Structures are given as structure tokens and as C-alpha cells.
């Protein structure tokens, strides 16, 4: 690859007191190239990422510079965005063009396309966490009156071990309803009205693209590629318009079965769809059903957050095969993986919800009233297996407060920060956030 900026070189940019060292090229796309750079003393300066645009990109998007300045002034919606930090223009005539600084992607984050392609080892719990963070990120973006325009797998990084995410390519973000720009979206993720030239990208089309991305993460399949795709000899532009726009039909449409997945070609969709509770499935049916033609009826970011959080709370481990399943009151109690009967689980009742007692499940702040001083992403407690007997569960206090508990024999206990108590004899815990009651079947 021929790099736009000299690897190992030092350049002066307007607004920077010190020269910027171009450490190495990281990659490129249709808009430009991304570099690892260092600002400050060699070897000890701040390392950042710099995106530098192709002249052709600047020429076809005359609003780009103003849009970047606007985003920099507004600031990131939350920490899940690799947000533009500063607009950079060279002091000299060369290199031509401009770019922007952003945080360097930390080690451990990989492209979401690896998971969608089935080549990434990640738990269902962490996939759901990633989906929750996605919904939260775009919830905060829309609250600022902004729209993203190009939500897709290519703009998302995952940390498999935690479910954390990073949303990149934020230079397309604009005020909802303003600006034209050249970006319409990514094929397969674009809302029908944008694909068919009936509307410009905005918050409403973001909701459709978000639903597609969530479906792709949860099912590792495209929501519109079923029997109708197999009937297409060449997926050219007219065929794509029919499949995703004019004749779009959700593969799991509850009324019309004309585009169901093929058992051989689309097996991932058939395996994964039954895993999730009916309440989550219905949100996809809403966005990909009536929401296809009526953008105002699409599932909202807050609805996704609520359903995904509830799904995480309902996570259960099959006692026969150890697979992750989800408690669903509207479905039969059998494991989707091995078919074994699932016992009714112990649950923890909190002020604002119930959590299934399963190893790895967390008691999150959304279960209780917001408390001053609590980090929003910091769980209050964690369910952990006994080190010598995984069938025995304990509850670990992750807060900074000592909790008072009561056992089934009436004994009172104190659960200090970082300590774990046996769940078997526990009846209740009085935490700083409210009472936690143990509900046994």
C-alpha cells in the first residue's frame, strides 16, 4: 500500500505546538488512510490515531470539514465512540488535504465482521453486552440530535472477553435533518427509503440500520437473505433493490413465510433465532415488518436497551451441556443446544427487576435507582461458581459498601466489598442500593 503520509516522518500541523510523528500506517478504506502517530517526546509522547483523507473524498464531500468541526465541538456521546478530537491541516502545502486525530484503538478490540463470519470465539453473554452498548451508544447520539448515517459491521470493533465495543468512522455524523453529504450507507444495512432514493439518511434510517446490525451480531446472518436470495442468479444492483427495498421480507416474518432461511445455506439463522426470548424477537419483527415502510414504527434505542438488558438478566446455563440459554416464560423449558430439560432457576429479586442465578450473571445499576458515585458500567455484584464445586454459587459484592445479609437459619452476616457469600443458605441482602431477595422455585 502506498501511504499518503510518510511512515517514520515528522510533520507540522496548524494548531499543534509540537510536530507529529507518523509512526506507521494502520489501514485504509474508501475515504482515506489511518495512521498511528505520536505527539510529544519520542518514545514517551501521547500515541493517537490520525485519519487522513484522499483528495477525491474531500472533493465529493464539500461539507466534510464543517461536519468534523461540528462533531469536535459537540464531543463524543459516550466512551464507546472513537470520536474526532482535533481537525488537522498541514502548515505547508504538502501533504495536501486534511484529517483528524482520534484515540488509538486499544489492543484486544477486533472487527465485528469476524464474529458475524463465525470466526471469533465470544460468549452469547458478551454478544448481548455488545448489542446493549450499541443501543446505548446510538441512544446517546440521537439524544444529542445527531445521526450516524452509515451503521454497519465495518464500523464496529468488539472486545470478545468483555463485550465492550468501539464505534469508528464518526466523520459521517451530522445533525439530524441537516446536511446532504455523499454517504448514504452500506449495502445490506441501508433503510429501504434510502436505498430506493426516497429519503436521505437520518435518525429514522439509523434505527433500521441498527436493527440490521443487532440481528447480524445475534444471529450471524442477514435478516433478508432467505429463499428469495437463492432464487436470484446474480445479486446485481436491481436484484439488491428488490431484496432489500422493493420486495424486502424478513426471513422470520411471523405472517409471510415466503423468505424463510434455507436449512443448508442459512443454517446459522435457523440455529440462533430460537435461542432468544420472544420479547426480543418481536422487536426485530417490528423493525423488519411494519417498520420497513413506516420509519416511525421502528424499534427505538431505548426499547432495544430494555429488551437486551432483560435478556442478559434471564441468562441461564444448561445443567446438561453447559450452554448459555435464556429464561423465557413464553417458551418450553428445554435447552436449544442439547434439548435437555431446564430446571426452574433460583432468581434474585431487586428493586427494579429479577436476575437468574447463573455463574457470570451480573447485578447491574439498571436494576436499582441511580446512585451518586456509582460508575454506570460497574456491576453491583457478580454471581460466581465455587472453585471446587461449580454447582454451588456465590454472590460477590463489587460495590464499595458493606451489605448486611440474613441466612435461612436466621443468622446475620456482613458482606464486605470484594467478598463472596454462599447463595445456598442466603435469604436476603440489604445492600446500599436496596434489598436483594433470593427467590427459589
Protein backbone atom coordinates (compact mmCIF):
# COMPACT_ATOMS: atom_id res chain seq x y z
CA UNK A 1 0.00 0.00 0.00
CA UNK A 2 1.24 3.47 -0.87
CA UNK A 3 0.77 5.70 2.15
CA UNK A 4 -0.45 9.28 1.94
CA UNK A 5 1.83 10.32 4.82
CA UNK A 6 5.49 9.27 5.30
CA UNK A 7 5.88 6.45 7.82
CA UNK A 8 8.55 7.41 10.34
CA UNK A 9 8.41 11.05 9.25
CA UNK A 10 7.62 14.19 11.25
CA UNK A 11 5.10 16.78 10.09
CA UNK A 12 3.96 20.19 11.33
CA UNK A 13 0.21 20.85 11.57
CA UNK A 14 -1.68 24.04 12.28
CA UNK A 15 -2.75 24.36 15.89
CA UNK A 16 -0.19 21.89 17.25
CA UNK A 17 2.72 23.27 19.27
CA UNK A 18 4.84 20.21 18.54
CA UNK A 19 5.45 18.20 15.38
CA UNK A 20 3.53 14.98 14.89
CA UNK A 21 5.44 11.78 14.23
CA UNK A 22 3.85 9.34 11.78
CA UNK A 23 4.69 6.02 13.41
CA UNK A 24 3.10 3.61 10.93
CA UNK A 25 0.14 3.11 8.63
CA UNK A 26 -2.73 1.09 10.13
CA UNK A 27 -5.02 0.64 7.14
CA UNK A 28 -7.15 2.33 4.55
CA UNK A 29 -10.64 2.48 3.11
CA UNK A 30 -12.68 4.36 0.54
CA UNK A 31 -12.31 7.72 2.33
CA UNK A 32 -8.67 7.73 3.34
CA UNK A 33 -5.99 6.10 5.47
CA UNK A 34 -5.43 5.75 9.22
CA UNK A 35 -2.04 6.14 10.89
CA UNK A 36 -0.63 5.59 14.37
CA UNK A 37 1.01 8.87 15.41
CA UNK A 38 2.84 10.28 18.42
CA UNK A 39 2.59 13.77 19.85
CA UNK A 40 5.34 14.81 22.24
CA UNK A 41 8.76 13.46 23.13
CA UNK A 42 9.78 10.44 21.03
CA UNK A 43 9.01 7.21 22.83
CA UNK A 44 7.12 8.90 25.66
CA UNK A 45 4.60 11.14 23.88
CA UNK A 46 0.89 10.57 23.54
CA UNK A 47 0.01 7.97 20.93
CA UNK A 48 -3.11 8.67 18.87
CA UNK A 49 -4.67 7.73 15.54
CA UNK A 50 -4.82 10.07 12.55
CA UNK A 51 -7.25 9.65 9.68
CA UNK A 52 -6.07 11.42 6.51
CA UNK A 53 -8.45 11.83 3.59
CA UNK A 54 -7.97 11.12 -0.09
CA UNK A 55 -8.34 14.26 -2.24
CA UNK A 56 -11.18 12.52 -4.09
CA UNK A 57 -13.12 12.09 -0.83
CA UNK A 58 -12.72 15.78 0.02
CA UNK A 59 -13.85 16.76 -3.47
CA UNK A 60 -17.08 14.75 -3.39
CA UNK A 61 -18.00 15.74 0.18
CA UNK A 62 -17.64 19.55 0.48
CA UNK A 63 -19.36 19.51 3.89
CA UNK A 64 -16.81 17.16 5.44
CA UNK A 65 -14.58 19.81 7.03
CA UNK A 66 -17.50 21.69 8.58
CA UNK A 67 -19.06 18.43 9.82
CA UNK A 68 -15.83 17.45 11.55
CA UNK A 69 -15.54 20.83 13.29
CA UNK A 70 -19.14 20.47 14.42
CA UNK A 71 -18.56 16.98 15.87
CA UNK A 72 -15.37 18.05 17.63
CA UNK A 73 -17.24 20.93 19.24
CA UNK A 74 -20.13 18.73 20.37
CA UNK A 75 -17.96 15.98 21.83
CA UNK A 76 -18.49 12.23 21.91
CA UNK A 77 -21.92 10.91 23.01
CA UNK A 78 -20.14 8.45 25.34
CA UNK A 79 -16.93 6.45 25.63
CA UNK A 80 -17.96 3.86 23.03
CA UNK A 81 -17.09 6.18 20.12
CA UNK A 82 -13.64 6.74 18.59
CA UNK A 83 -14.65 10.37 18.22
CA UNK A 84 -12.77 13.10 16.33
CA UNK A 85 -10.61 15.08 18.77
CA UNK A 86 -9.00 17.71 16.55
CA UNK A 87 -9.02 18.75 12.92
CA UNK A 88 -5.52 18.72 11.42
CA UNK A 89 -4.36 20.77 8.46
CA UNK A 90 -0.70 20.93 7.35
CA UNK A 91 1.31 24.11 7.81
CA UNK A 92 2.94 23.64 4.42
CA UNK A 93 1.42 22.89 1.03
CA UNK A 94 2.34 19.25 1.44
CA UNK A 95 0.78 16.90 2.31
CA UNK A 96 -2.35 18.16 0.60
CA UNK A 97 -5.72 17.87 2.31
CA UNK A 98 -6.66 17.43 5.95
CA UNK A 99 -7.52 14.81 8.56
CA UNK A 100 -8.43 14.40 12.21
CA UNK A 101 -6.99 12.97 15.39
CA UNK A 102 -8.79 10.38 17.49
CA UNK A 103 -7.93 7.89 20.21
CA UNK A 104 -5.93 4.87 19.14
CA UNK A 105 -7.95 1.64 19.22
CA UNK A 106 -6.76 -0.38 22.24
CA UNK A 107 -5.33 -3.87 21.86
CA UNK A 108 -7.93 -6.63 22.15
CA UNK A 109 -10.62 -4.99 20.02
CA UNK A 110 -11.29 -6.77 16.73
CA UNK A 111 -13.57 -6.12 13.79
CA UNK A 112 -17.18 -7.18 14.36
CA UNK A 113 -17.19 -8.81 10.92
CA UNK A 114 -15.08 -11.63 12.41
CA UNK A 115 -17.94 -12.58 14.72
CA UNK A 116 -20.58 -12.22 12.01
CA UNK A 117 -18.48 -14.55 9.87
CA UNK A 118 -18.29 -17.16 12.63
CA UNK A 119 -14.53 -16.91 13.18
CA UNK A 120 -14.50 -15.23 16.61
CA UNK A 121 -14.74 -17.01 19.95
CA UNK A 122 -17.16 -14.97 22.05
CA UNK A 123 -19.87 -15.92 24.55
CA UNK A 124 -23.56 -15.21 23.99
CA UNK A 125 -23.44 -13.08 27.12
CA UNK A 126 -20.75 -10.84 25.63
CA UNK A 127 -22.52 -10.63 22.27
CA UNK A 128 -25.59 -9.37 24.14
CA UNK A 129 -23.45 -6.93 26.10
CA UNK A 130 -22.01 -5.61 22.83
CA UNK A 131 -25.54 -5.19 21.49
CA UNK A 132 -26.58 -3.32 24.64
CA UNK A 133 -23.60 -0.98 24.34
CA UNK A 134 -24.51 -0.39 20.69
CA UNK A 135 -28.08 0.54 21.57
CA UNK A 136 -26.84 2.78 24.38
CA UNK A 137 -24.29 4.48 22.13
CA UNK A 138 -26.81 5.36 19.45
CA UNK A 139 -29.35 6.30 22.11
CA UNK A 140 -26.92 8.93 23.38
CA UNK A 141 -26.05 10.01 19.83
CA UNK A 142 -29.71 10.60 18.96
CA UNK A 143 -30.30 12.44 22.25
CA UNK A 144 -27.74 14.98 21.00
CA UNK A 145 -29.87 15.48 17.89
CA UNK A 146 -27.29 13.69 15.73
CA UNK A 147 -27.49 10.85 13.22
CA UNK A 148 -24.77 8.42 12.15
CA UNK A 149 -25.87 7.62 8.55
CA UNK A 150 -23.69 4.54 7.98
CA UNK A 151 -24.21 1.97 10.75
CA UNK A 152 -22.65 -1.34 9.65
CA UNK A 153 -20.38 -4.19 10.69
CA UNK A 154 -17.39 -2.39 9.19
CA UNK A 155 -17.70 0.49 11.66
CA UNK A 156 -17.69 -1.60 14.82
CA UNK A 157 -14.97 -3.21 16.95
CA UNK A 158 -15.61 -5.76 19.72
CA UNK A 159 -13.61 -6.86 22.75
CA UNK A 160 -14.55 -10.58 22.89
CA UNK A 161 -13.64 -11.08 26.53
CA UNK A 162 -15.87 -8.29 27.86
CA UNK A 163 -18.47 -7.35 25.25
CA UNK A 164 -17.17 -3.79 25.13
CA UNK A 165 -17.39 -2.00 21.79
CA UNK A 166 -15.84 0.87 19.87
CA UNK A 167 -17.72 2.69 17.10
CA UNK A 168 -15.40 4.18 14.49
CA UNK A 169 -15.70 6.28 11.31
CA UNK A 170 -17.63 9.01 13.10
CA UNK A 171 -16.82 11.60 10.44
CA UNK A 172 -20.20 10.92 8.80
CA UNK A 173 -22.12 12.01 11.90
CA UNK A 174 -24.31 15.05 11.31
CA UNK A 175 -27.20 16.95 12.85
CA UNK A 176 -30.37 15.01 12.09
CA UNK A 177 -32.26 16.60 9.19
CA UNK A 178 -29.34 18.80 8.11
CA UNK A 179 -26.62 18.42 5.53
CA UNK A 180 -26.56 16.35 2.39
CA UNK A 181 -23.13 14.71 2.26
CA UNK A 182 -22.13 11.86 -0.03
CA UNK A 183 -22.64 8.94 2.36
CA UNK A 184 -25.91 7.03 2.02
CA UNK A 185 -24.96 3.92 3.94
CA UNK A 186 -23.63 0.40 3.40
CA UNK A 187 -25.47 -2.07 1.13
CA UNK A 188 -27.42 -4.56 3.22
CA UNK A 189 -27.73 -2.08 6.11
CA UNK A 190 -29.43 0.85 4.37
CA UNK A 191 -33.05 1.59 5.20
CA UNK A 192 -35.41 0.86 2.26
CA UNK A 193 -36.37 4.51 1.83
CA UNK A 194 -32.68 5.48 1.50
CA UNK A 195 -31.86 2.58 -0.83
CA UNK A 196 -34.78 3.50 -3.10
CA UNK A 197 -33.86 7.19 -3.15
CA UNK A 198 -37.00 8.28 -1.28
CA UNK A 199 -35.22 9.86 1.71
CA UNK A 200 -31.81 10.99 2.96
CA UNK A 201 -30.12 9.20 5.87
CA UNK A 202 -31.18 10.39 9.33
CA UNK A 203 -32.12 9.15 12.79
CA UNK A 204 -35.04 7.13 11.41
CA UNK A 205 -32.82 5.27 8.94
CA UNK A 206 -30.26 4.82 11.74
CA UNK A 207 -32.90 2.82 13.64
CA UNK A 208 -33.30 0.45 10.71
CA UNK A 209 -29.54 0.03 10.23
CA UNK A 210 -29.11 -0.53 13.97
CA UNK A 211 -31.72 -3.31 13.89
CA UNK A 212 -29.87 -4.96 10.99
CA UNK A 213 -26.55 -4.73 12.84
CA UNK A 214 -28.04 -6.16 16.04
CA UNK A 215 -29.58 -9.03 14.07
CA UNK A 216 -26.28 -9.72 12.33
CA UNK A 217 -24.48 -9.86 15.69
CA UNK A 218 -27.07 -12.06 17.39
CA UNK A 219 -27.75 -14.46 14.51
CA UNK A 220 -24.61 -14.19 12.32
CA UNK A 221 -26.94 -13.87 9.35
CA UNK A 222 -28.59 -11.25 7.15
CA UNK A 223 -32.25 -10.57 8.07
CA UNK A 224 -33.38 -10.55 4.41
CA UNK A 225 -31.33 -13.35 2.86
CA UNK A 226 -33.56 -16.39 2.71
CA UNK A 227 -35.35 -18.31 -0.03
CA UNK A 228 -35.63 -15.19 -2.19
CA UNK A 229 -31.86 -14.76 -2.25
CA UNK A 230 -31.41 -18.31 -3.55
CA UNK A 231 -33.79 -17.54 -6.41
CA UNK A 232 -31.53 -14.68 -7.60
CA UNK A 233 -28.96 -15.71 -10.20
CA UNK A 234 -26.91 -12.51 -9.97
CA UNK A 235 -27.08 -10.18 -6.98
CA UNK A 236 -26.63 -7.05 -9.07
CA UNK A 237 -27.97 -3.59 -8.24
CA UNK A 238 -31.55 -4.21 -9.49
CA UNK A 239 -31.68 -7.51 -7.56
CA UNK A 240 -30.36 -5.81 -4.43
CA UNK A 241 -33.05 -3.14 -4.71
CA UNK A 242 -35.71 -5.85 -4.80
CA UNK A 243 -34.21 -7.95 -1.99
CA UNK A 244 -33.58 -5.06 0.42
CA UNK A 245 -36.09 -2.46 -0.78
CA UNK A 246 -38.97 -3.05 -3.17
CA UNK A 247 -39.74 -6.64 -2.10
CA UNK A 248 -37.91 -6.82 1.24
CA UNK A 249 -39.28 -9.57 3.51
CA UNK A 250 -37.85 -10.51 6.91
CA UNK A 251 -36.71 -14.14 6.93
CA UNK A 252 -38.68 -14.75 10.16
CA UNK A 253 -41.75 -12.69 9.29
CA UNK A 254 -44.49 -14.12 11.54
CA UNK A 255 -47.16 -13.92 8.79
CA UNK A 256 -45.40 -14.40 5.45
CA UNK A 257 -43.11 -17.45 5.25
CA UNK A 258 -42.06 -16.74 1.67
CA UNK A 259 -38.45 -15.88 2.55
CA UNK A 260 -37.56 -18.45 5.19
CA UNK A 261 -33.89 -19.45 5.61
CA UNK A 262 -32.64 -22.50 3.74
CA UNK A 263 -31.62 -25.34 6.12
CA UNK A 264 -28.28 -25.76 4.35
CA UNK A 265 -27.34 -22.31 3.09
CA UNK A 266 -28.71 -20.34 6.03
CA UNK A 267 -28.26 -22.76 8.93
CA UNK A 268 -26.81 -20.13 11.31
CA UNK A 269 -30.07 -18.17 11.27
CA UNK A 270 -32.17 -21.28 11.99
CA UNK A 271 -29.90 -22.27 14.90
CA UNK A 272 -29.64 -18.86 16.55
CA UNK A 273 -33.14 -17.38 16.18
CA UNK A 274 -34.79 -19.80 18.71
CA UNK A 275 -32.14 -19.01 21.33
CA UNK A 276 -33.55 -15.61 22.24
CA UNK A 277 -36.71 -14.78 24.22
CA UNK A 278 -39.89 -13.98 22.33
CA UNK A 279 -39.83 -10.40 23.64
CA UNK A 280 -36.52 -9.77 21.81
CA UNK A 281 -37.69 -11.49 18.62
CA UNK A 282 -40.75 -9.25 18.49
CA UNK A 283 -38.60 -6.11 18.30
CA UNK A 284 -36.99 -7.44 15.12
CA UNK A 285 -40.39 -8.31 13.71
CA UNK A 286 -41.47 -4.74 14.40
CA UNK A 287 -38.50 -3.08 12.67
CA UNK A 288 -38.43 -5.53 9.75
CA UNK A 289 -42.21 -5.77 9.42
CA UNK A 290 -44.28 -2.62 9.72
CA UNK A 291 -41.06 -0.64 10.22
CA UNK A 292 -39.92 -1.44 6.68
CA UNK A 293 -42.40 1.05 5.19
CA UNK A 294 -43.21 3.16 8.25
CA UNK A 295 -39.97 4.50 9.76
CA UNK A 296 -41.81 5.99 12.75
CA UNK A 297 -42.81 2.45 13.82
CA UNK A 298 -39.27 1.11 14.10
CA UNK A 299 -37.93 -0.17 17.40
CA UNK A 300 -36.37 2.68 19.40
CA UNK A 301 -32.94 2.59 21.01
CA UNK A 302 -34.49 2.65 24.49
CA UNK A 303 -36.63 -0.38 23.65
CA UNK A 304 -33.57 -2.28 22.47
CA UNK A 305 -31.72 -1.38 25.67
CA UNK A 306 -34.57 -2.61 27.85
CA UNK A 307 -35.03 -5.90 25.98
CA UNK A 308 -31.29 -6.65 25.80
CA UNK A 309 -30.79 -5.90 29.50
CA UNK A 310 -33.69 -8.19 30.35
CA UNK A 311 -32.22 -10.92 28.15
CA UNK A 312 -28.91 -10.66 29.99
CA UNK A 313 -30.75 -10.91 33.30
CA UNK A 314 -32.50 -14.10 32.07
CA UNK A 315 -29.29 -15.90 31.10
CA UNK A 316 -29.17 -19.47 32.41
CA UNK A 317 -26.64 -22.27 31.99
CA UNK A 318 -27.91 -25.67 30.86
CA UNK A 319 -27.05 -28.27 33.56
CA UNK A 320 -26.61 -30.95 30.87
CA UNK A 321 -24.29 -29.31 28.33
CA UNK A 322 -23.31 -26.00 29.95
CA UNK A 323 -24.65 -23.94 27.04
CA UNK A 324 -25.99 -20.43 27.62
CA UNK A 325 -29.79 -20.27 27.42
CA UNK A 326 -32.35 -17.60 28.29
CA UNK A 327 -35.32 -17.91 30.61
CA UNK A 328 -38.44 -17.27 28.54
CA UNK A 329 -41.86 -17.55 30.20
CA UNK A 330 -43.46 -17.88 26.74
CA UNK A 331 -41.42 -20.89 25.64
CA UNK A 332 -40.86 -24.52 26.61
CA UNK A 333 -38.11 -25.07 29.16
CA UNK A 334 -35.63 -27.01 27.04
CA UNK A 335 -32.05 -26.23 26.05
CA UNK A 336 -31.78 -25.03 22.46
CA UNK A 337 -28.43 -26.82 22.10
CA UNK A 338 -28.85 -30.30 23.60
CA UNK A 339 -32.63 -30.44 24.09
CA UNK A 340 -32.32 -31.26 27.78
CA UNK A 341 -34.99 -30.10 30.22
CA UNK A 342 -34.11 -26.89 32.03
CA UNK A 343 -34.93 -26.63 35.73
CA UNK A 344 -36.64 -23.56 37.10
CA UNK A 345 -33.77 -21.39 38.31
CA UNK A 346 -33.18 -19.50 41.51
CA UNK A 347 -33.68 -15.79 40.88
CA UNK A 348 -32.62 -12.64 42.69
CA UNK A 349 -35.30 -10.03 43.19
CA UNK A 350 -34.01 -6.46 43.16
CA UNK A 351 -35.91 -3.18 43.43
CA UNK A 352 -36.34 -2.94 39.64
CA UNK A 353 -36.03 -6.44 38.22
CA UNK A 354 -35.06 -10.07 38.61
CA UNK A 355 -31.79 -11.76 37.70
CA UNK A 356 -31.40 -15.51 37.16
CA UNK A 357 -28.80 -17.03 39.49
CA UNK A 358 -26.23 -18.31 36.99
CA UNK A 359 -22.44 -18.12 37.05
CA UNK A 360 -21.28 -14.95 35.31
CA UNK A 361 -24.56 -13.04 35.61
CA UNK A 362 -24.26 -9.53 36.98
CA UNK A 363 -26.40 -7.24 39.09
CA UNK A 364 -26.25 -4.02 37.10
CA UNK A 365 -27.16 -0.44 38.06
CA UNK A 366 -30.29 -0.64 35.85
CA UNK A 367 -31.79 -2.95 38.49
CA UNK A 368 -31.79 -0.19 41.09
CA UNK A 369 -32.25 3.54 41.40
CA UNK A 370 -29.35 5.65 40.16
CA UNK A 371 -26.90 6.31 42.97
CA UNK A 372 -24.44 9.15 43.25
CA UNK A 373 -20.89 7.95 42.97
CA UNK A 374 -21.65 4.62 41.22
CA UNK A 375 -19.90 4.09 37.88
CA UNK A 376 -22.57 3.40 35.29
CA UNK A 377 -20.74 0.39 33.81
CA UNK A 378 -19.64 -1.07 37.11
CA UNK A 379 -21.78 -4.07 38.21
CA UNK A 380 -23.00 -4.02 41.80
CA UNK A 381 -22.46 -7.76 42.25
CA UNK A 382 -21.40 -10.87 40.35
CA UNK A 383 -22.58 -14.49 40.59
CA UNK A 384 -19.54 -16.78 40.76
CA UNK A 385 -19.13 -20.58 40.92
CA UNK A 386 -17.44 -22.25 43.89
CA UNK A 387 -13.81 -23.00 42.95
CA UNK A 388 -14.12 -26.72 43.81
CA UNK A 389 -17.84 -27.29 43.04
CA UNK A 390 -19.21 -25.28 40.11
CA UNK A 391 -22.76 -26.27 41.02
CA UNK A 392 -22.52 -24.07 44.13
CA UNK A 393 -22.95 -20.35 43.50
CA UNK A 394 -21.77 -17.36 45.45
CA UNK A 395 -22.66 -13.67 45.25
CA UNK A 396 -19.68 -11.31 45.20
CA UNK A 397 -20.11 -7.72 46.37
CA UNK A 398 -18.47 -5.47 43.77
CA UNK A 399 -19.55 -2.20 45.34
CA UNK A 400 -17.63 -0.05 47.82
CA UNK A 401 -20.20 -0.66 50.57
CA UNK A 402 -20.67 -3.37 53.18
CA UNK A 403 -24.00 -5.17 52.83
CA UNK A 404 -25.97 -6.88 55.60
CA UNK A 405 -27.47 -10.32 54.96
CA UNK A 406 -29.70 -12.92 56.51
CA UNK A 407 -29.36 -16.69 56.14
CA UNK A 408 -32.17 -19.27 56.22
CA UNK A 409 -31.30 -20.18 59.87
CA UNK A 410 -31.74 -16.56 60.92
CA UNK A 411 -28.02 -15.83 61.16
CA UNK A 412 -26.95 -12.29 60.24
CA UNK A 413 -23.88 -11.75 58.06
CA UNK A 414 -21.89 -8.79 56.77
CA UNK A 415 -20.77 -8.91 53.14
CA UNK A 416 -17.82 -6.58 52.75
CA UNK A 417 -16.63 -5.11 49.42
CA UNK A 418 -14.90 -7.76 47.29
CA UNK A 419 -16.15 -10.65 49.47
CA UNK A 420 -18.42 -13.51 48.37
CA UNK A 421 -21.22 -15.22 50.27
CA UNK A 422 -22.70 -18.66 49.60
CA UNK A 423 -26.04 -18.33 47.80
CA UNK A 424 -27.47 -21.65 49.08
CA UNK A 425 -28.38 -20.52 52.64
CA UNK A 426 -28.96 -16.85 51.75
CA UNK A 427 -32.42 -15.36 52.13
CA UNK A 428 -31.77 -11.67 51.59
CA UNK A 429 -29.13 -8.99 51.39
CA UNK A 430 -29.71 -5.39 52.33
CA UNK A 431 -27.37 -3.54 50.01
CA UNK A 432 -26.75 0.19 49.77
CA UNK A 433 -28.96 0.05 46.67
CA UNK A 434 -31.88 -1.76 48.29
CA UNK A 435 -32.95 -5.26 49.27
CA UNK A 436 -31.87 -8.33 47.29
CA UNK A 437 -34.23 -11.25 47.88
CA UNK A 438 -33.42 -14.85 46.91
CA UNK A 439 -36.45 -16.37 45.14
CA UNK A 440 -36.36 -20.16 44.96
CA UNK A 441 -38.66 -22.20 42.69
